Amino acid sequence: MKTVNSRTTEYNIEDLFLKRYSPRAMSGEPVPIEQLMTLFDAARWAPSASNIQPWRFLYALRGTLDFDLFFSFLADGNKTWCKNAGVLLIGISKKNADDGKPNPTHSLDIGSAWENLALQATQMSLVTHGMAGYSTESVRKELNISEEFEINLMIAVGKPGKVEDLPEYLQVREKPNDRKKLFEIVFEGKEGAKMLK
């Protein structure tokens, strides 16, 4: 058992998992392209069913017209803090394999890629925050994304900023949160399946 970042584990896991969380305070500084590509390189090494690698990432750098466009897709609540992101990303996944057969794990696979990206960012002292608060319809229409792709998430990436620059209601949430206990999420065999909630 250990405590890192005000989080206490039940077993001795690596500190990186405890350091990673989803802050919103970003400085507004640009993220150098080499650092951004390092995040994508980490993402590409994620596990993938049948090695299909269905994930795709679109990015828009701060100060560009694309950033303004990506920013317009966000829900108003996310706009209040994403205005200081250095980069906005959109994560999509290809629904079918190259042979046309459905890939039932495409969303799971991009989730693994996103986790790799987030952990690499933590290691590099960058902030990442994944979001579901955006208009998938606008993303699909404005970027002309084919129906063969699922639009899974948007991600804000940036350099750490000051908590006091966030709206007051977000300042109190700007800390690592806890997780459910293992006994709430892990069950053994058939008897354990009866306990699922």
N, C-alpha and C. Protein backbone atom coordinates (compact mmCIF):
# COMPACT_ATOMS: atom_id res chain seq x y z
N MET A 1 0.84 -1.19 0.00
CA MET A 1 0.00 0.00 0.00
C MET A 1 0.89 1.25 0.00
N LYS A 2 0.49 2.26 -0.77
CA LYS A 2 1.24 3.52 -0.79
C LYS A 2 0.28 4.66 -1.07
N THR A 3 0.72 5.86 -0.75
CA THR A 3 -0.07 7.06 -1.03
C THR A 3 0.76 8.00 -1.90
N VAL A 4 0.20 8.38 -3.03
CA VAL A 4 0.81 9.33 -3.96
C VAL A 4 -0.29 10.23 -4.47
N ASN A 5 -0.04 11.55 -4.47
CA ASN A 5 -1.03 12.47 -5.04
C ASN A 5 -2.36 12.40 -4.28
N SER A 6 -2.28 12.17 -2.98
CA SER A 6 -3.46 12.04 -2.11
C SER A 6 -4.30 10.81 -2.44
N ARG A 7 -3.75 9.85 -3.15
CA ARG A 7 -4.44 8.62 -3.49
C ARG A 7 -3.71 7.46 -2.83
N THR A 8 -4.48 6.55 -2.25
CA THR A 8 -3.88 5.41 -1.56
C THR A 8 -4.26 4.12 -2.27
N THR A 9 -3.25 3.32 -2.57
CA THR A 9 -3.48 2.06 -3.26
C THR A 9 -3.76 0.94 -2.26
N GLU A 10 -4.27 -0.16 -2.77
CA GLU A 10 -4.43 -1.36 -1.95
C GLU A 10 -3.22 -2.29 -2.13
N TYR A 11 -2.53 -2.15 -3.26
CA TYR A 11 -1.33 -2.93 -3.55
C TYR A 11 -0.26 -1.99 -4.09
N ASN A 12 0.93 -2.51 -4.26
CA ASN A 12 2.09 -1.68 -4.60
C ASN A 12 2.21 -1.49 -6.11
N ILE A 13 1.40 -0.61 -6.68
CA ILE A 13 1.44 -0.34 -8.11
C ILE A 13 2.42 0.80 -8.40
N GLU A 14 2.72 1.02 -9.66
CA GLU A 14 3.64 2.09 -10.06
C GLU A 14 3.04 3.47 -9.78
N ASP A 15 3.87 4.40 -9.38
CA ASP A 15 3.43 5.76 -9.04
C ASP A 15 2.74 6.46 -10.21
N LEU A 16 3.15 6.15 -11.44
CA LEU A 16 2.61 6.82 -12.62
C LEU A 16 1.09 6.74 -12.68
N PHE A 17 0.52 5.61 -12.26
CA PHE A 17 -0.94 5.46 -12.31
C PHE A 17 -1.63 6.39 -11.32
N LEU A 18 -0.97 6.72 -10.24
CA LEU A 18 -1.53 7.60 -9.22
C LEU A 18 -1.30 9.07 -9.55
N LYS A 19 -0.24 9.34 -10.26
CA LYS A 19 0.06 10.73 -10.66
C LYS A 19 -0.88 11.21 -11.76
N ARG A 20 -1.32 10.28 -12.62
CA ARG A 20 -2.19 10.66 -13.73
C ARG A 20 -3.60 10.97 -13.23
N TYR A 21 -4.07 12.14 -13.56
CA TYR A 21 -5.48 12.49 -13.35
C TYR A 21 -5.86 13.50 -14.41
N SER A 22 -7.01 14.09 -14.33
CA SER A 22 -7.51 14.94 -15.41
C SER A 22 -7.72 16.38 -14.96
N PRO A 23 -6.63 17.13 -14.80
CA PRO A 23 -6.78 18.54 -14.43
C PRO A 23 -7.38 19.36 -15.57
N ARG A 24 -7.86 20.53 -15.23
CA ARG A 24 -8.39 21.45 -16.23
C ARG A 24 -7.54 22.71 -16.35
N ALA A 25 -6.73 22.99 -15.33
CA ALA A 25 -5.92 24.22 -15.33
C ALA A 25 -4.75 24.06 -16.30
N MET A 26 -4.77 24.88 -17.36
CA MET A 26 -3.69 24.88 -18.34
C MET A 26 -3.22 26.31 -18.55
N SER A 27 -1.96 26.45 -18.95
CA SER A 27 -1.32 27.76 -19.01
C SER A 27 -1.62 28.56 -20.26
N GLY A 28 -2.07 27.90 -21.32
CA GLY A 28 -2.26 28.60 -22.59
C GLY A 28 -1.01 28.59 -23.46
N GLU A 29 0.08 28.04 -22.95
CA GLU A 29 1.31 27.96 -23.74
C GLU A 29 1.16 26.90 -24.83
N PRO A 30 1.86 27.08 -25.95
CA PRO A 30 1.81 26.05 -26.99
C PRO A 30 2.53 24.78 -26.53
N VAL A 31 2.10 23.66 -27.07
CA VAL A 31 2.78 22.39 -26.83
C VAL A 31 3.66 22.14 -28.06
N PRO A 32 4.99 22.04 -27.86
CA PRO A 32 5.88 21.82 -29.01
C PRO A 32 5.48 20.56 -29.78
N ILE A 33 5.61 20.60 -31.09
CA ILE A 33 5.18 19.49 -31.93
C ILE A 33 5.92 18.20 -31.58
N GLU A 34 7.17 18.30 -31.18
CA GLU A 34 7.92 17.09 -30.82
C GLU A 34 7.30 16.42 -29.59
N GLN A 35 6.87 17.22 -28.62
CA GLN A 35 6.21 16.65 -27.44
C GLN A 35 4.87 16.02 -27.84
N LEU A 36 4.13 16.69 -28.71
CA LEU A 36 2.84 16.16 -29.15
C LEU A 36 3.03 14.84 -29.87
N MET A 37 4.00 14.77 -30.75
CA MET A 37 4.24 13.53 -31.49
C MET A 37 4.72 12.41 -30.57
N THR A 38 5.41 12.77 -29.49
CA THR A 38 5.81 11.78 -28.50
C THR A 38 4.57 11.14 -27.86
N LEU A 39 3.55 11.96 -27.60
CA LEU A 39 2.29 11.42 -27.05
C LEU A 39 1.64 10.45 -28.03
N PHE A 40 1.61 10.83 -29.29
CA PHE A 40 1.01 9.95 -30.30
C PHE A 40 1.83 8.66 -30.48
N ASP A 41 3.13 8.77 -30.35
CA ASP A 41 3.97 7.58 -30.47
C ASP A 41 3.68 6.61 -29.33
N ALA A 42 3.47 7.14 -28.13
CA ALA A 42 3.09 6.28 -27.01
C ALA A 42 1.73 5.63 -27.28
N ALA A 43 0.80 6.40 -27.83
CA ALA A 43 -0.54 5.87 -28.12
C ALA A 43 -0.49 4.72 -29.12
N ARG A 44 0.38 4.79 -30.09
CA ARG A 44 0.39 3.77 -31.14
C ARG A 44 0.87 2.41 -30.65
N TRP A 45 1.49 2.36 -29.46
CA TRP A 45 1.97 1.09 -28.91
C TRP A 45 0.95 0.42 -28.01
N ALA A 46 -0.27 0.91 -28.02
CA ALA A 46 -1.33 0.32 -27.19
C ALA A 46 -1.70 -1.08 -27.70
N PRO A 47 -2.23 -1.92 -26.80
CA PRO A 47 -2.73 -3.23 -27.24
C PRO A 47 -3.87 -3.04 -28.24
N SER A 48 -3.99 -4.00 -29.16
CA SER A 48 -5.02 -3.89 -30.20
C SER A 48 -5.44 -5.29 -30.63
N ALA A 49 -6.73 -5.56 -30.61
CA ALA A 49 -7.24 -6.88 -31.02
C ALA A 49 -6.83 -7.16 -32.46
N SER A 50 -6.23 -8.31 -32.68
CA SER A 50 -5.74 -8.73 -34.00
C SER A 50 -4.77 -7.71 -34.61
N ASN A 51 -4.22 -6.86 -33.77
CA ASN A 51 -3.28 -5.81 -34.21
C ASN A 51 -3.87 -4.90 -35.29
N ILE A 52 -5.18 -4.68 -35.23
CA ILE A 52 -5.86 -3.84 -36.23
C ILE A 52 -5.49 -2.37 -36.07
N GLN A 53 -5.25 -1.93 -34.84
CA GLN A 53 -4.89 -0.53 -34.55
C GLN A 53 -5.90 0.45 -35.17
N PRO A 54 -7.15 0.39 -34.73
CA PRO A 54 -8.21 1.17 -35.36
C PRO A 54 -8.24 2.65 -34.98
N TRP A 55 -7.39 3.06 -34.04
CA TRP A 55 -7.44 4.44 -33.56
C TRP A 55 -6.86 5.41 -34.59
N ARG A 56 -7.44 6.61 -34.60
CA ARG A 56 -6.93 7.72 -35.39
C ARG A 56 -7.09 8.97 -34.52
N PHE A 57 -6.12 9.86 -34.60
CA PHE A 57 -6.18 11.11 -33.83
C PHE A 57 -6.06 12.29 -34.79
N LEU A 58 -6.94 13.25 -34.62
CA LEU A 58 -6.85 14.52 -35.32
C LEU A 58 -6.41 15.56 -34.29
N TYR A 59 -5.57 16.50 -34.69
CA TYR A 59 -5.13 17.50 -33.72
C TYR A 59 -5.21 18.91 -34.31
N ALA A 60 -5.35 19.87 -33.41
CA ALA A 60 -5.38 21.28 -33.79
C ALA A 60 -4.56 22.07 -32.78
N LEU A 61 -3.54 22.76 -33.27
CA LEU A 61 -2.64 23.53 -32.41
C LEU A 61 -3.24 24.88 -32.07
N ARG A 62 -2.99 25.30 -30.85
CA ARG A 62 -3.44 26.61 -30.38
C ARG A 62 -2.96 27.70 -31.35
N GLY A 63 -3.82 28.68 -31.60
CA GLY A 63 -3.45 29.79 -32.46
C GLY A 63 -3.71 29.55 -33.94
N THR A 64 -4.36 28.42 -34.27
CA THR A 64 -4.66 28.12 -35.67
C THR A 64 -6.18 28.17 -35.88
N LEU A 65 -6.57 28.25 -37.14
CA LEU A 65 -8.00 28.21 -37.46
C LEU A 65 -8.60 26.86 -37.09
N ASP A 66 -7.81 25.80 -37.22
CA ASP A 66 -8.29 24.49 -36.83
C ASP A 66 -8.60 24.42 -35.34
N PHE A 67 -7.78 25.08 -34.53
CA PHE A 67 -8.04 25.10 -33.09
C PHE A 67 -9.40 25.77 -32.83
N ASP A 68 -9.64 26.89 -33.50
CA ASP A 68 -10.92 27.58 -33.34
C ASP A 68 -12.09 26.68 -33.75
N LEU A 69 -11.90 25.93 -34.83
CA LEU A 69 -12.94 25.01 -35.30
C LEU A 69 -13.17 23.90 -34.27
N PHE A 70 -12.10 23.25 -33.82
CA PHE A 70 -12.23 22.18 -32.83
C PHE A 70 -12.86 22.73 -31.55
N PHE A 71 -12.46 23.93 -31.16
CA PHE A 71 -13.00 24.56 -29.95
C PHE A 71 -14.52 24.75 -30.09
N SER A 72 -14.98 25.05 -31.29
CA SER A 72 -16.42 25.28 -31.51
C SER A 72 -17.24 24.01 -31.28
N PHE A 73 -16.63 22.85 -31.35
CA PHE A 73 -17.34 21.58 -31.15
C PHE A 73 -17.66 21.34 -29.67
N LEU A 74 -16.94 22.00 -28.78
CA LEU A 74 -17.05 21.72 -27.34
C LEU A 74 -18.34 22.25 -26.73
N ALA A 75 -18.80 21.54 -25.70
CA ALA A 75 -19.92 22.03 -24.89
C ALA A 75 -19.45 23.28 -24.15
N ASP A 76 -20.39 24.16 -23.84
CA ASP A 76 -20.03 25.43 -23.21
C ASP A 76 -19.24 25.25 -21.92
N GLY A 77 -19.59 24.25 -21.12
CA GLY A 77 -18.88 24.02 -19.87
C GLY A 77 -17.41 23.71 -20.09
N ASN A 78 -17.10 22.99 -21.15
CA ASN A 78 -15.71 22.67 -21.45
C ASN A 78 -14.96 23.84 -22.07
N LYS A 79 -15.69 24.73 -22.74
CA LYS A 79 -15.05 25.90 -23.33
C LYS A 79 -14.45 26.82 -22.27
N THR A 80 -15.04 26.83 -21.07
CA THR A 80 -14.56 27.75 -20.03
C THR A 80 -13.12 27.50 -19.64
N TRP A 81 -12.66 26.26 -19.77
CA TRP A 81 -11.27 25.96 -19.41
C TRP A 81 -10.42 25.50 -20.60
N CYS A 82 -11.04 24.94 -21.63
CA CYS A 82 -10.28 24.50 -22.80
C CYS A 82 -9.70 25.67 -23.59
N LYS A 83 -10.16 26.86 -23.31
CA LYS A 83 -9.60 28.03 -24.00
C LYS A 83 -8.10 28.17 -23.73
N ASN A 84 -7.61 27.54 -22.67
CA ASN A 84 -6.18 27.60 -22.33
C ASN A 84 -5.40 26.34 -22.72
N ALA A 85 -6.02 25.46 -23.48
CA ALA A 85 -5.32 24.25 -23.94
C ALA A 85 -4.28 24.64 -24.99
N GLY A 86 -3.22 23.86 -25.06
CA GLY A 86 -2.21 24.08 -26.09
C GLY A 86 -2.57 23.36 -27.38
N VAL A 87 -3.32 22.27 -27.25
CA VAL A 87 -3.73 21.46 -28.39
C VAL A 87 -5.09 20.85 -28.07
N LEU A 88 -5.94 20.71 -29.07
CA LEU A 88 -7.18 19.94 -28.93
C LEU A 88 -7.10 18.74 -29.87
N LEU A 89 -7.48 17.59 -29.35
CA LEU A 89 -7.45 16.35 -30.12
C LEU A 89 -8.85 15.78 -30.27
N ILE A 90 -9.05 15.05 -31.33
CA ILE A 90 -10.27 14.26 -31.51
C ILE A 90 -9.83 12.83 -31.77
N GLY A 91 -10.33 11.91 -30.95
CA GLY A 91 -10.01 10.50 -31.11
C GLY A 91 -11.15 9.77 -31.78
N ILE A 92 -10.84 9.09 -32.90
CA ILE A 92 -11.86 8.32 -33.61
C ILE A 92 -11.33 6.90 -33.81
N SER A 93 -12.22 5.98 -34.08
CA SER A 93 -11.80 4.60 -34.32
C SER A 93 -12.54 4.02 -35.52
N LYS A 94 -11.81 3.26 -36.30
CA LYS A 94 -12.37 2.63 -37.50
C LYS A 94 -13.18 1.41 -37.07
N LYS A 95 -14.45 1.36 -37.47
CA LYS A 95 -15.36 0.32 -37.00
C LYS A 95 -15.09 -1.06 -37.60
N ASN A 96 -14.50 -1.10 -38.78
CA ASN A 96 -14.26 -2.38 -39.46
C ASN A 96 -12.77 -2.59 -39.71
N ALA A 97 -12.38 -3.85 -39.80
CA ALA A 97 -11.01 -4.19 -40.18
C ALA A 97 -10.83 -3.90 -41.66
N ASP A 98 -9.59 -3.98 -42.13
CA ASP A 98 -9.32 -3.68 -43.54
C ASP A 98 -10.03 -4.62 -44.49
N ASP A 99 -10.36 -5.83 -44.01
CA ASP A 99 -11.08 -6.77 -44.87
C ASP A 99 -12.59 -6.54 -44.86
N GLY A 100 -13.03 -5.49 -44.16
CA GLY A 100 -14.44 -5.14 -44.13
C GLY A 100 -15.24 -5.78 -43.01
N LYS A 101 -14.65 -6.72 -42.30
CA LYS A 101 -15.36 -7.38 -41.19
C LYS A 101 -15.45 -6.42 -40.00
N PRO A 102 -16.59 -6.45 -39.29
CA PRO A 102 -16.75 -5.57 -38.12
C PRO A 102 -15.67 -5.86 -37.07
N ASN A 103 -15.19 -4.79 -36.47
CA ASN A 103 -14.21 -4.90 -35.38
C ASN A 103 -14.93 -4.53 -34.09
N PRO A 104 -15.39 -5.53 -33.32
CA PRO A 104 -16.20 -5.23 -32.13
C PRO A 104 -15.42 -4.55 -31.00
N THR A 105 -14.09 -4.51 -31.11
CA THR A 105 -13.30 -3.92 -30.02
C THR A 105 -12.68 -2.58 -30.39
N HIS A 106 -13.14 -1.94 -31.46
CA HIS A 106 -12.51 -0.69 -31.91
C HIS A 106 -12.53 0.39 -30.83
N SER A 107 -13.64 0.50 -30.09
CA SER A 107 -13.72 1.53 -29.04
C SER A 107 -12.83 1.18 -27.85
N LEU A 108 -12.75 -0.10 -27.53
CA LEU A 108 -11.85 -0.54 -26.47
C LEU A 108 -10.41 -0.22 -26.84
N ASP A 109 -10.06 -0.46 -28.08
CA ASP A 109 -8.68 -0.24 -28.52
C ASP A 109 -8.29 1.23 -28.47
N ILE A 110 -9.18 2.12 -28.90
CA ILE A 110 -8.82 3.54 -28.82
C ILE A 110 -8.75 3.99 -27.36
N GLY A 111 -9.54 3.34 -26.49
CA GLY A 111 -9.42 3.63 -25.06
C GLY A 111 -8.05 3.28 -24.54
N SER A 112 -7.50 2.16 -25.01
CA SER A 112 -6.14 1.78 -24.61
C SER A 112 -5.12 2.78 -25.14
N ALA A 113 -5.31 3.23 -26.37
CA ALA A 113 -4.38 4.20 -26.97
C ALA A 113 -4.44 5.53 -26.21
N TRP A 114 -5.65 5.95 -25.85
CA TRP A 114 -5.83 7.19 -25.10
C TRP A 114 -5.15 7.08 -23.73
N GLU A 115 -5.26 5.93 -23.09
CA GLU A 115 -4.58 5.75 -21.80
C GLU A 115 -3.07 5.85 -21.94
N ASN A 116 -2.52 5.23 -22.98
CA ASN A 116 -1.08 5.36 -23.22
C ASN A 116 -0.68 6.82 -23.39
N LEU A 117 -1.46 7.55 -24.18
CA LEU A 117 -1.19 8.96 -24.41
C LEU A 117 -1.22 9.73 -23.10
N ALA A 118 -2.23 9.47 -22.28
CA ALA A 118 -2.38 10.18 -21.00
C ALA A 118 -1.24 9.87 -20.04
N LEU A 119 -0.82 8.62 -19.99
CA LEU A 119 0.29 8.25 -19.10
C LEU A 119 1.61 8.87 -19.58
N GLN A 120 1.83 8.88 -20.89
CA GLN A 120 3.04 9.52 -21.41
C GLN A 120 3.04 11.01 -21.09
N ALA A 121 1.89 11.65 -21.23
CA ALA A 121 1.78 13.07 -20.90
C ALA A 121 2.11 13.32 -19.43
N THR A 122 1.61 12.46 -18.56
CA THR A 122 1.90 12.60 -17.14
C THR A 122 3.40 12.50 -16.90
N GLN A 123 4.04 11.55 -17.56
CA GLN A 123 5.49 11.37 -17.42
C GLN A 123 6.24 12.61 -17.89
N MET A 124 5.66 13.36 -18.83
CA MET A 124 6.29 14.56 -19.39
C MET A 124 5.81 15.84 -18.72
N SER A 125 5.05 15.71 -17.64
CA SER A 125 4.49 16.87 -16.90
C SER A 125 3.58 17.73 -17.76
N LEU A 126 2.83 17.08 -18.66
CA LEU A 126 1.80 17.76 -19.43
C LEU A 126 0.43 17.39 -18.86
N VAL A 127 -0.54 18.23 -19.11
CA VAL A 127 -1.91 18.01 -18.68
C VAL A 127 -2.69 17.40 -19.84
N THR A 128 -3.48 16.36 -19.55
CA THR A 128 -4.44 15.86 -20.53
C THR A 128 -5.79 15.69 -19.85
N HIS A 129 -6.83 15.96 -20.59
CA HIS A 129 -8.19 15.81 -20.05
C HIS A 129 -9.09 15.34 -21.19
N GLY A 130 -9.56 14.10 -21.07
CA GLY A 130 -10.48 13.56 -22.07
C GLY A 130 -11.90 14.03 -21.81
N MET A 131 -12.67 14.20 -22.88
CA MET A 131 -14.01 14.76 -22.75
C MET A 131 -15.03 14.04 -23.62
N ALA A 132 -16.24 13.96 -23.09
CA ALA A 132 -17.40 13.51 -23.87
C ALA A 132 -18.32 14.69 -24.17
N GLY A 133 -18.03 15.85 -23.61
CA GLY A 133 -18.86 17.04 -23.77
C GLY A 133 -18.51 17.83 -25.02
N TYR A 134 -19.02 17.34 -26.15
CA TYR A 134 -18.82 18.00 -27.43
C TYR A 134 -19.88 17.48 -28.39
N SER A 135 -20.02 18.11 -29.53
CA SER A 135 -21.04 17.71 -30.51
C SER A 135 -20.44 16.76 -31.54
N THR A 136 -20.79 15.48 -31.42
CA THR A 136 -20.30 14.51 -32.41
C THR A 136 -20.85 14.83 -33.80
N GLU A 137 -22.08 15.36 -33.84
CA GLU A 137 -22.68 15.70 -35.13
C GLU A 137 -21.88 16.78 -35.83
N SER A 138 -21.47 17.80 -35.06
CA SER A 138 -20.67 18.89 -35.65
C SER A 138 -19.31 18.40 -36.09
N VAL A 139 -18.69 17.56 -35.28
CA VAL A 139 -17.39 17.01 -35.66
C VAL A 139 -17.52 16.27 -36.98
N ARG A 140 -18.50 15.38 -37.07
CA ARG A 140 -18.66 14.58 -38.29
C ARG A 140 -18.93 15.47 -39.51
N LYS A 141 -19.82 16.43 -39.34
CA LYS A 141 -20.20 17.29 -40.47
C LYS A 141 -19.07 18.22 -40.89
N GLU A 142 -18.50 18.95 -39.94
CA GLU A 142 -17.50 19.97 -40.27
C GLU A 142 -16.18 19.37 -40.75
N LEU A 143 -15.84 18.18 -40.26
CA LEU A 143 -14.60 17.54 -40.68
C LEU A 143 -14.82 16.47 -41.73
N ASN A 144 -16.10 16.29 -42.12
CA ASN A 144 -16.45 15.34 -43.17
C ASN A 144 -15.92 13.93 -42.87
N ILE A 145 -16.20 13.48 -41.64
CA ILE A 145 -15.72 12.16 -41.20
C ILE A 145 -16.73 11.10 -41.62
N SER A 146 -16.23 10.11 -42.29
CA SER A 146 -17.06 9.02 -42.81
C SER A 146 -17.71 8.24 -41.68
N GLU A 147 -18.85 7.63 -41.98
CA GLU A 147 -19.56 6.79 -41.02
C GLU A 147 -18.78 5.51 -40.68
N GLU A 148 -17.72 5.24 -41.42
CA GLU A 148 -16.91 4.06 -41.08
C GLU A 148 -16.11 4.28 -39.80
N PHE A 149 -16.10 5.53 -39.30
CA PHE A 149 -15.39 5.85 -38.08
C PHE A 149 -16.36 6.23 -36.96
N GLU A 150 -16.07 5.76 -35.77
CA GLU A 150 -16.77 6.18 -34.55
C GLU A 150 -16.01 7.37 -33.98
N ILE A 151 -16.73 8.41 -33.59
CA ILE A 151 -16.10 9.56 -32.92
C ILE A 151 -16.18 9.28 -31.43
N ASN A 152 -15.03 9.06 -30.79
CA ASN A 152 -15.00 8.55 -29.43
C ASN A 152 -14.82 9.59 -28.34
N LEU A 153 -13.93 10.56 -28.56
CA LEU A 153 -13.66 11.53 -27.50
C LEU A 153 -12.89 12.72 -28.04
N MET A 154 -12.91 13.81 -27.27
CA MET A 154 -12.00 14.92 -27.49
C MET A 154 -11.07 14.98 -26.29
N ILE A 155 -9.88 15.50 -26.52
CA ILE A 155 -8.86 15.57 -25.48
C ILE A 155 -8.21 16.94 -25.53
N ALA A 156 -8.12 17.58 -24.37
CA ALA A 156 -7.36 18.83 -24.25
C ALA A 156 -5.97 18.48 -23.72
N VAL A 157 -4.95 19.06 -24.34
CA VAL A 157 -3.56 18.84 -23.91
C VAL A 157 -2.94 20.21 -23.69
N GLY A 158 -2.17 20.32 -22.62
CA GLY A 158 -1.51 21.60 -22.37
C GLY A 158 -0.46 21.50 -21.29
N LYS A 159 0.15 22.64 -21.04
CA LYS A 159 1.10 22.75 -19.93
C LYS A 159 0.32 23.15 -18.69
N PRO A 160 0.76 22.72 -17.52
CA PRO A 160 0.00 23.02 -16.30
C PRO A 160 -0.19 24.52 -16.10
N GLY A 161 -1.39 24.88 -15.65
CA GLY A 161 -1.70 26.28 -15.37
C GLY A 161 -2.04 26.48 -13.90
N LYS A 162 -2.54 27.66 -13.60
CA LYS A 162 -2.87 28.01 -12.22
C LYS A 162 -4.33 27.66 -11.93
N VAL A 163 -4.55 26.97 -10.83
CA VAL A 163 -5.90 26.59 -10.43
C VAL A 163 -6.79 27.83 -10.27
N GLU A 164 -6.22 28.90 -9.74
CA GLU A 164 -7.01 30.11 -9.49
C GLU A 164 -7.49 30.79 -10.77
N ASP A 165 -6.97 30.40 -11.91
CA ASP A 165 -7.44 30.94 -13.19
C ASP A 165 -8.71 30.25 -13.69
N LEU A 166 -9.07 29.14 -13.05
CA LEU A 166 -10.30 28.43 -13.41
C LEU A 166 -11.51 29.12 -12.77
N PRO A 167 -12.70 28.92 -13.34
CA PRO A 167 -13.91 29.39 -12.66
C PRO A 167 -13.98 28.76 -11.26
N GLU A 168 -14.55 29.48 -10.33
CA GLU A 168 -14.55 29.04 -8.93
C GLU A 168 -15.14 27.64 -8.75
N TYR A 169 -16.20 27.33 -9.48
CA TYR A 169 -16.83 26.02 -9.31
C TYR A 169 -15.94 24.87 -9.78
N LEU A 170 -14.96 25.18 -10.65
CA LEU A 170 -14.03 24.14 -11.09
C LEU A 170 -12.79 24.06 -10.20
N GLN A 171 -12.47 25.14 -9.51
CA GLN A 171 -11.28 25.14 -8.65
C GLN A 171 -11.38 24.06 -7.58
N VAL A 172 -12.56 23.86 -7.02
CA VAL A 172 -12.72 22.85 -5.96
C VAL A 172 -12.60 21.43 -6.49
N ARG A 173 -12.79 21.26 -7.80
CA ARG A 173 -12.70 19.92 -8.40
C ARG A 173 -11.30 19.63 -8.94
N GLU A 174 -10.40 20.59 -8.85
CA GLU A 174 -9.08 20.46 -9.46
C GLU A 174 -8.11 19.71 -8.55
N LYS A 175 -8.42 18.45 -8.36
CA LYS A 175 -7.56 17.59 -7.55
C LYS A 175 -7.79 16.14 -7.97
N PRO A 176 -6.80 15.28 -7.71
CA PRO A 176 -7.00 13.86 -8.05
C PRO A 176 -8.16 13.28 -7.26
N ASN A 177 -9.00 12.50 -7.94
CA ASN A 177 -10.11 11.87 -7.23
C ASN A 177 -9.75 10.43 -6.89
N ASP A 178 -10.61 9.80 -6.10
CA ASP A 178 -10.35 8.44 -5.64
C ASP A 178 -10.97 7.44 -6.61
N ARG A 179 -10.84 6.18 -6.31
CA ARG A 179 -11.42 5.12 -7.12
C ARG A 179 -12.18 4.15 -6.22
N LYS A 180 -13.06 3.36 -6.84
CA LYS A 180 -13.77 2.33 -6.09
C LYS A 180 -12.77 1.33 -5.53
N LYS A 181 -13.15 0.66 -4.47
CA LYS A 181 -12.31 -0.38 -3.87
C LYS A 181 -12.30 -1.61 -4.78
N LEU A 182 -11.25 -2.41 -4.67
CA LEU A 182 -11.15 -3.61 -5.50
C LEU A 182 -12.34 -4.54 -5.34
N PHE A 183 -12.86 -4.67 -4.10
CA PHE A 183 -13.97 -5.59 -3.89
C PHE A 183 -15.24 -5.15 -4.63
N GLU A 184 -15.28 -3.90 -5.08
CA GLU A 184 -16.44 -3.40 -5.82
C GLU A 184 -16.34 -3.66 -7.32
N ILE A 185 -15.14 -4.00 -7.79
CA ILE A 185 -14.96 -4.13 -9.24
C ILE A 185 -14.36 -5.47 -9.68
N VAL A 186 -13.93 -6.30 -8.73
CA VAL A 186 -13.26 -7.56 -9.07
C VAL A 186 -14.01 -8.71 -8.41
N PHE A 187 -14.38 -9.74 -9.20
CA PHE A 187 -15.17 -10.86 -8.69
C PHE A 187 -14.62 -12.16 -9.25
N GLU A 188 -14.64 -13.21 -8.44
CA GLU A 188 -14.09 -14.48 -8.87
C GLU A 188 -15.16 -15.43 -9.39
N GLY A 189 -14.98 -15.86 -10.62
CA GLY A 189 -15.76 -16.93 -11.21
C GLY A 189 -17.27 -16.74 -11.22
N LYS A 190 -17.97 -17.89 -11.27
CA LYS A 190 -19.43 -17.90 -11.38
C LYS A 190 -20.08 -17.33 -10.14
N GLU A 191 -19.54 -17.66 -8.97
CA GLU A 191 -20.12 -17.13 -7.73
C GLU A 191 -19.96 -15.61 -7.69
N GLY A 192 -18.81 -15.15 -8.16
CA GLY A 192 -18.59 -13.72 -8.21
C GLY A 192 -19.55 -13.01 -9.14
N ALA A 193 -19.92 -13.67 -10.23
CA ALA A 193 -20.84 -13.06 -11.20
C ALA A 193 -22.19 -12.76 -10.57
N LYS A 194 -22.57 -13.51 -9.53
CA LYS A 194 -23.84 -13.25 -8.86
C LYS A 194 -23.81 -11.95 -8.09
N MET A 195 -22.63 -11.45 -7.82
CA MET A 195 -22.48 -10.23 -7.00
C MET A 195 -22.37 -8.96 -7.85
N LEU A 196 -22.40 -9.11 -9.16
CA LEU A 196 -22.24 -7.95 -10.03
C LEU A 196 -23.36 -6.93 -9.81
N LYS A 197 -22.99 -5.69 -9.77
CA LYS A 197 -23.96 -4.58 -9.59
C LYS A 197 -23.71 -3.52 -10.62
